[in-house]
């Protein structure tokens, strides 16, 4: 039987089990979200042993050289010792505000004890107590917001989201990991078209990215498409309509329905932009990200032009749904 060594624990791997499943079963409290190898929130670093090739699919050459791996895609065939990456150090933070954006979405405002380096649209692990951690994307902009902002969607069975929606209050204490992720504005050409496509609380990181781009005087056309499963998941409409009025290069559209309902709007947005220069940002359910990615690639966008952050709620053995 293959053994896994992690933070002082020795875990016997069951047949067919992934590294992440083994860590969850052993109550090792790993960080994870999509369980599909897309969000990279389950990154671990191997200290010894052979890393299965599938565990590094989608990682950058630099990440592979650092022996990083995706725990949700890792099925070791020999003993493996892993640890959390050094970037997993925690920073204390306090809840400085909380408000309902819709019946299903809460805005959580955090004030970190020490400054957090991040870019709008990236994601951070939030810890409530020693064992409950979840991965959330930032809706704040460093140049515009003094606190960190997160849009937390209520998830049935999700302990963290339940705490935020029913128990969190100003003064509650949390801990933060380091900011990660490629779904950020960065420094594209000022005139490049931006396509921002999200579902549910995936609007959060896109809202931060949008405000960051506008604050940096982005001149190119910006299309923001927001899909919601129902009216309870549709939010920030007034704010976004006002932004579109203030910025002629911004076009905002929202709709309620299944992923397929977004196709006509997305195809029209792609047709309106210069596909050779466009940068696309996809945030939300994996079905949305997968379908939008397919349509963007069919239109000629390459991998370097598409940035995504997937946050499905997945059930993984004994842990509640992550976000």
Protein backbone atom coordinates (compact mmCIF):
# COMPACT_ATOMS: atom_id res chain seq x y z
CA UNK A 1 0.00 0.00 0.00
CA UNK A 2 1.34 3.43 -0.98
CA UNK A 3 2.03 5.78 1.92
CA UNK A 4 1.70 9.56 1.92
CA UNK A 5 3.59 11.74 4.39
CA UNK A 6 2.13 15.19 5.10
CA UNK A 7 2.74 17.52 8.05
CA UNK A 8 3.65 14.72 10.44
CA UNK A 9 0.86 12.42 9.28
CA UNK A 10 1.41 9.08 7.54
CA UNK A 11 -1.57 8.14 5.40
CA UNK A 12 -2.15 4.83 3.62
CA UNK A 13 -3.55 5.52 0.17
CA UNK A 14 -6.60 3.47 -0.80
CA UNK A 15 -6.78 1.92 -4.31
CA UNK A 16 -7.82 4.52 -6.89
CA UNK A 17 -7.75 7.34 -4.35
CA UNK A 18 -6.26 10.73 -5.18
CA UNK A 19 -3.84 12.47 -2.88
CA UNK A 20 -6.51 15.07 -2.11
CA UNK A 21 -9.08 12.42 -1.20
CA UNK A 22 -6.58 10.77 1.13
CA UNK A 23 -5.77 14.07 2.85
CA UNK A 24 -9.47 14.85 3.28
CA UNK A 25 -10.12 11.38 4.70
CA UNK A 26 -7.25 11.87 7.17
CA UNK A 27 -8.64 15.25 8.25
CA UNK A 28 -5.41 16.94 7.15
CA UNK A 29 -7.46 19.98 6.06
CA UNK A 30 -6.00 20.56 2.60
CA UNK A 31 -7.06 23.58 0.59
CA UNK A 32 -9.20 22.77 -2.46
CA UNK A 33 -12.07 24.06 -4.55
CA UNK A 34 -12.97 22.77 -8.04
CA UNK A 35 -11.51 19.22 -7.67
CA UNK A 36 -10.98 19.27 -11.43
CA UNK A 37 -7.41 20.55 -11.79
CA UNK A 38 -8.57 23.98 -12.94
CA UNK A 39 -8.44 26.35 -9.97
CA UNK A 40 -5.03 25.23 -8.59
CA UNK A 41 -6.11 25.88 -5.00
CA UNK A 42 -4.96 22.35 -4.00
CA UNK A 43 -1.32 22.95 -4.97
CA UNK A 44 1.18 21.07 -2.83
CA UNK A 45 4.96 20.71 -3.05
CA UNK A 46 6.69 17.32 -3.18
CA UNK A 47 9.69 16.90 -0.88
CA UNK A 48 10.50 13.33 -1.90
CA UNK A 49 9.07 10.66 -4.14
CA UNK A 50 7.92 10.50 -7.76
CA UNK A 51 5.28 12.97 -8.94
CA UNK A 52 2.76 11.40 -11.36
CA UNK A 53 2.74 13.20 -14.70
CA UNK A 54 -1.01 13.85 -14.51
CA UNK A 55 -0.52 15.80 -11.28
CA UNK A 56 1.38 18.55 -13.12
CA UNK A 57 -0.78 18.94 -16.23
CA UNK A 58 -1.64 22.61 -16.61
CA UNK A 59 1.15 23.89 -14.38
CA UNK A 60 3.81 26.29 -15.62
CA UNK A 61 7.40 25.10 -16.24
CA UNK A 62 8.47 27.10 -13.19
CA UNK A 63 5.87 25.40 -11.01
CA UNK A 64 6.98 21.98 -12.25
CA UNK A 65 10.61 22.81 -11.48
CA UNK A 66 9.53 23.65 -7.93
CA UNK A 67 7.98 20.16 -7.65
CA UNK A 68 4.50 21.59 -7.25
CA UNK A 69 1.57 19.30 -7.97
CA UNK A 70 -2.22 19.29 -8.05
CA UNK A 71 -3.43 17.09 -5.20
CA UNK A 72 -6.81 16.50 -6.85
CA UNK A 73 -5.11 15.00 -9.93
CA UNK A 74 -2.36 13.11 -8.10
CA UNK A 75 -2.58 9.31 -7.80
CA UNK A 76 0.83 8.26 -6.43
CA UNK A 77 2.15 4.81 -7.26
CA UNK A 78 5.01 5.00 -4.74
CA UNK A 79 5.61 6.73 -1.38
CA UNK A 80 5.34 10.52 -1.57
CA UNK A 81 6.13 13.24 0.95
CA UNK A 82 4.38 16.56 0.38
CA UNK A 83 3.92 19.88 2.13
CA UNK A 84 2.03 23.09 1.59
CA UNK A 85 3.96 25.57 -0.58
CA UNK A 86 5.90 28.24 1.28
CA UNK A 87 3.38 30.75 -0.08
CA UNK A 88 0.78 29.18 2.25
CA UNK A 89 1.84 31.30 5.22
CA UNK A 90 -1.15 32.84 6.99
CA UNK A 91 -1.96 36.44 7.92
CA UNK A 92 -4.46 37.41 10.62
CA UNK A 93 -7.47 39.45 9.51
CA UNK A 94 -10.64 40.87 11.05
CA UNK A 95 -14.11 41.20 9.55
CA UNK A 96 -14.59 44.94 9.06
CA UNK A 97 -17.92 44.77 7.26
CA UNK A 98 -20.54 42.43 5.88
CA UNK A 99 -23.60 43.16 3.72
CA UNK A 100 -26.04 41.33 1.50
CA UNK A 101 -25.59 41.99 -2.22
CA UNK A 102 -28.53 39.70 -3.00
CA UNK A 103 -30.44 36.95 -1.15
CA UNK A 104 -27.72 34.48 -2.21
CA UNK A 105 -24.55 36.63 -2.17
CA UNK A 106 -22.85 38.33 0.79
CA UNK A 107 -19.99 40.80 0.57
CA UNK A 108 -17.34 40.01 3.19
CA UNK A 109 -14.94 42.86 3.99
CA UNK A 110 -11.67 41.95 5.72
CA UNK A 111 -8.97 44.12 7.27
CA UNK A 112 -5.65 42.22 7.37
CA UNK A 113 -3.26 42.82 10.27
CA UNK A 114 -0.38 43.26 7.82
CA UNK A 115 -0.53 44.28 4.14
CA UNK A 116 -1.44 41.59 1.59
CA UNK A 117 0.15 41.83 -1.85
CA UNK A 118 -2.41 41.01 -4.54
CA UNK A 119 -3.91 42.00 -7.87
CA UNK A 120 -7.62 42.40 -8.53
CA UNK A 121 -9.17 39.09 -9.62
CA UNK A 122 -6.73 36.80 -7.80
CA UNK A 123 -7.86 34.34 -5.14
CA UNK A 124 -6.92 33.72 -1.50
CA UNK A 125 -7.51 30.89 0.98
CA UNK A 126 -9.59 32.03 3.98
CA UNK A 127 -9.30 30.17 7.29
CA UNK A 128 -11.95 30.23 10.01
CA UNK A 129 -10.40 28.46 12.96
CA UNK A 130 -7.65 25.86 12.56
CA UNK A 131 -9.54 23.43 10.34
CA UNK A 132 -12.07 25.22 8.12
CA UNK A 133 -10.55 26.74 4.98
CA UNK A 134 -11.99 27.72 1.63
CA UNK A 135 -10.72 29.43 -1.51
CA UNK A 136 -12.32 32.73 -2.57
CA UNK A 137 -11.61 35.29 -5.27
CA UNK A 138 -10.99 38.95 -4.50
CA UNK A 139 -13.47 41.60 -5.61
CA UNK A 140 -11.33 44.47 -4.28
CA UNK A 141 -8.74 46.62 -6.06
CA UNK A 142 -5.50 47.53 -4.21
CA UNK A 143 -5.46 51.09 -5.57
CA UNK A 144 -9.13 51.72 -4.71
CA UNK A 145 -10.01 49.67 -1.63
CA UNK A 146 -8.38 49.79 1.80
CA UNK A 147 -9.89 46.43 2.78
CA UNK A 148 -10.15 43.07 1.03
CA UNK A 149 -13.56 42.31 -0.49
CA UNK A 150 -15.03 38.88 -1.23
CA UNK A 151 -18.41 37.87 -2.67
CA UNK A 152 -19.56 34.75 -0.82
CA UNK A 153 -22.33 32.67 -2.37
CA UNK A 154 -24.49 30.52 -0.09
CA UNK A 155 -23.83 26.84 -0.83
CA UNK A 156 -26.03 24.07 0.65
CA UNK A 157 -23.90 22.14 3.15
CA UNK A 158 -21.01 24.59 2.84
CA UNK A 159 -19.73 25.28 6.34
CA UNK A 160 -17.74 28.38 5.45
CA UNK A 161 -20.48 30.04 3.41
CA UNK A 162 -23.03 29.14 6.12
CA UNK A 163 -20.84 30.86 8.71
CA UNK A 164 -20.50 33.98 6.56
CA UNK A 165 -24.24 34.18 5.83
CA UNK A 166 -25.52 33.44 9.34
CA UNK A 167 -22.84 34.02 11.99
CA UNK A 168 -20.02 36.30 10.81
CA UNK A 169 -20.01 39.80 12.31
CA UNK A 170 -17.75 42.81 12.49
CA UNK A 171 -14.81 41.86 14.69
CA UNK A 172 -14.81 38.16 13.78
CA UNK A 173 -11.28 36.85 13.20
CA UNK A 174 -9.98 34.93 10.18
CA UNK A 175 -6.65 34.07 8.63
CA UNK A 176 -5.57 34.63 5.03
CA UNK A 177 -3.22 32.78 2.70
CA UNK A 178 -1.24 34.39 -0.11
CA UNK A 179 -2.87 35.73 -3.27
CA UNK A 180 -2.59 33.43 -6.28
CA UNK A 181 -4.07 33.05 -9.74
CA UNK A 182 -3.72 34.32 -13.30
CA UNK A 183 -7.20 35.86 -13.61
CA UNK A 184 -5.97 39.45 -13.18
CA UNK A 185 -5.75 42.59 -15.30
CA UNK A 186 -1.95 42.70 -15.37
CA UNK A 187 -0.63 45.03 -18.07
CA UNK A 188 -2.29 44.26 -21.42
CA UNK A 189 -2.12 46.77 -24.24
CA UNK A 190 -4.30 49.77 -23.25
CA UNK A 191 -6.34 49.37 -26.43
CA UNK A 192 -6.82 45.58 -26.27
CA UNK A 193 -10.43 44.33 -26.08
CA UNK A 194 -11.37 42.76 -22.74
CA UNK A 195 -14.03 40.04 -22.48
CA UNK A 196 -15.22 39.45 -18.90
CA UNK A 197 -17.53 36.45 -18.62
CA UNK A 198 -18.87 35.13 -15.32
CA UNK A 199 -21.65 33.26 -13.55
CA UNK A 200 -23.01 33.67 -10.03
CA UNK A 201 -20.43 34.99 -7.58
CA UNK A 202 -17.89 34.73 -10.40
CA UNK A 203 -18.90 38.34 -10.94
CA UNK A 204 -16.80 39.23 -7.87
CA UNK A 205 -13.30 38.89 -9.34
CA UNK A 206 -14.54 40.32 -12.66
CA UNK A 207 -15.92 43.37 -10.85
CA UNK A 208 -12.51 43.92 -9.25
CA UNK A 209 -10.70 43.35 -12.53
CA UNK A 210 -13.06 45.73 -14.33
CA UNK A 211 -12.58 48.53 -11.81
CA UNK A 212 -8.82 47.96 -11.92
CA UNK A 213 -8.78 48.29 -15.72
CA UNK A 214 -10.93 51.43 -15.67
CA UNK A 215 -8.78 52.93 -12.92
CA UNK A 216 -5.73 52.34 -15.14
CA UNK A 217 -7.54 54.15 -17.98
CA UNK A 218 -7.96 51.12 -20.22
CA UNK A 219 -8.98 52.47 -23.63
CA UNK A 220 -10.03 49.30 -25.42
CA UNK A 221 -13.60 47.99 -25.53
CA UNK A 222 -14.71 46.03 -22.45
CA UNK A 223 -17.58 43.53 -22.53
CA UNK A 224 -18.94 42.20 -19.22
CA UNK A 225 -21.40 39.29 -19.42
CA UNK A 226 -22.95 37.97 -16.20
CA UNK A 227 -25.07 34.81 -16.07
CA UNK A 228 -27.21 33.92 -13.03
CA UNK A 229 -29.17 30.75 -12.36
CA UNK A 230 -32.03 32.83 -10.85
CA UNK A 231 -32.80 36.36 -9.69
CA UNK A 232 -31.22 35.68 -6.28
CA UNK A 233 -27.81 35.26 -7.94
CA UNK A 234 -28.06 38.44 -10.00
CA UNK A 235 -26.45 41.41 -8.28
CA UNK A 236 -24.53 44.72 -8.67
CA UNK A 237 -26.74 45.61 -11.62
CA UNK A 238 -27.24 49.25 -10.62
CA UNK A 239 -23.51 49.76 -10.00
CA UNK A 240 -22.54 48.20 -13.31
CA UNK A 241 -25.16 50.11 -15.30
CA UNK A 242 -23.81 53.31 -13.76
CA UNK A 243 -20.22 52.34 -14.65
CA UNK A 244 -21.30 51.67 -18.25
CA UNK A 245 -22.87 55.13 -18.40
CA UNK A 246 -19.65 56.71 -17.13
CA UNK A 247 -17.38 54.74 -19.47
CA UNK A 248 -18.41 54.58 -23.15
CA UNK A 249 -15.99 51.69 -23.80
CA UNK A 250 -17.86 49.42 -21.32
CA UNK A 251 -20.80 47.24 -22.39
CA UNK A 252 -22.59 45.32 -19.60
CA UNK A 253 -25.15 42.53 -20.07
CA UNK A 254 -26.78 40.20 -17.57
CA UNK A 255 -29.31 37.40 -17.88
CA UNK A 256 -30.93 34.60 -15.92
CA UNK A 257 -30.85 31.09 -17.34
CA UNK A 258 -28.69 28.03 -18.06
CA UNK A 259 -25.18 28.22 -19.50
CA UNK A 260 -26.55 27.70 -23.02
CA UNK A 261 -28.48 30.98 -22.75
CA UNK A 262 -25.22 32.93 -22.72
CA UNK A 263 -24.09 31.66 -26.13
CA UNK A 264 -25.73 34.35 -28.34
CA UNK A 265 -24.39 37.18 -26.17
CA UNK A 266 -20.92 35.65 -26.04
CA UNK A 267 -20.78 35.03 -29.78
CA UNK A 268 -21.87 38.62 -30.45
CA UNK A 269 -19.22 39.96 -28.06
CA UNK A 270 -16.53 37.88 -29.77
CA UNK A 271 -17.63 39.11 -33.20
CA UNK A 272 -17.42 42.73 -32.05
CA UNK A 273 -13.83 42.50 -30.80
CA UNK A 274 -10.43 42.14 -32.43
CA UNK A 275 -9.75 38.47 -31.66
CA UNK A 276 -6.02 38.86 -32.33
CA UNK A 277 -5.59 41.27 -29.41
CA UNK A 278 -8.43 40.32 -27.06
CA UNK A 279 -7.92 39.13 -23.49
CA UNK A 280 -10.71 36.99 -22.02
CA UNK A 281 -11.39 36.41 -18.32
CA UNK A 282 -13.75 33.60 -17.29
CA UNK A 283 -14.97 33.15 -13.70
CA UNK A 284 -17.63 30.83 -12.33
CA UNK A 285 -19.03 27.36 -12.84
CA UNK A 286 -16.92 24.86 -14.76
CA UNK A 287 -19.64 24.39 -17.41
CA UNK A 288 -19.54 28.10 -18.16
CA UNK A 289 -15.74 28.20 -18.24
CA UNK A 290 -15.53 25.11 -20.46
CA UNK A 291 -18.17 26.32 -22.93
CA UNK A 292 -16.81 29.86 -23.11
CA UNK A 293 -13.26 28.57 -23.56
CA UNK A 294 -14.39 26.36 -26.46
CA UNK A 295 -16.13 29.24 -28.22
CA UNK A 296 -13.19 31.59 -27.69
CA UNK A 297 -10.72 29.05 -29.09
CA UNK A 298 -13.00 28.38 -32.06
CA UNK A 299 -12.86 32.13 -32.71
CA UNK A 300 -9.06 32.04 -32.80
CA UNK A 301 -8.00 33.08 -29.28
CA UNK A 302 -4.98 31.17 -28.01
CA UNK A 303 -4.20 29.89 -24.52
CA UNK A 304 -2.28 33.03 -23.52
CA UNK A 305 -5.38 35.15 -24.22
CA UNK A 306 -7.74 33.18 -21.97
CA UNK A 307 -7.59 33.44 -18.17
CA UNK A 308 -9.99 31.50 -15.96
CA UNK A 309 -10.96 30.82 -12.37
CA UNK A 310 -13.39 27.97 -11.73
CA UNK A 311 -15.26 27.60 -8.47
CA UNK A 312 -17.78 24.82 -8.53
CA UNK A 313 -19.12 23.35 -5.32
CA UNK A 314 -17.90 19.76 -5.20
CA UNK A 315 -18.59 17.17 -2.53
CA UNK A 316 -15.44 15.37 -1.47
CA UNK A 317 -15.99 12.50 0.98
CA UNK A 318 -16.46 13.78 4.52
CA UNK A 319 -15.91 17.50 3.95
CA UNK A 320 -18.77 19.87 3.10
CA UNK A 321 -19.02 21.61 -0.22
CA UNK A 322 -16.17 24.03 -0.88
CA UNK A 323 -16.76 27.20 -2.83
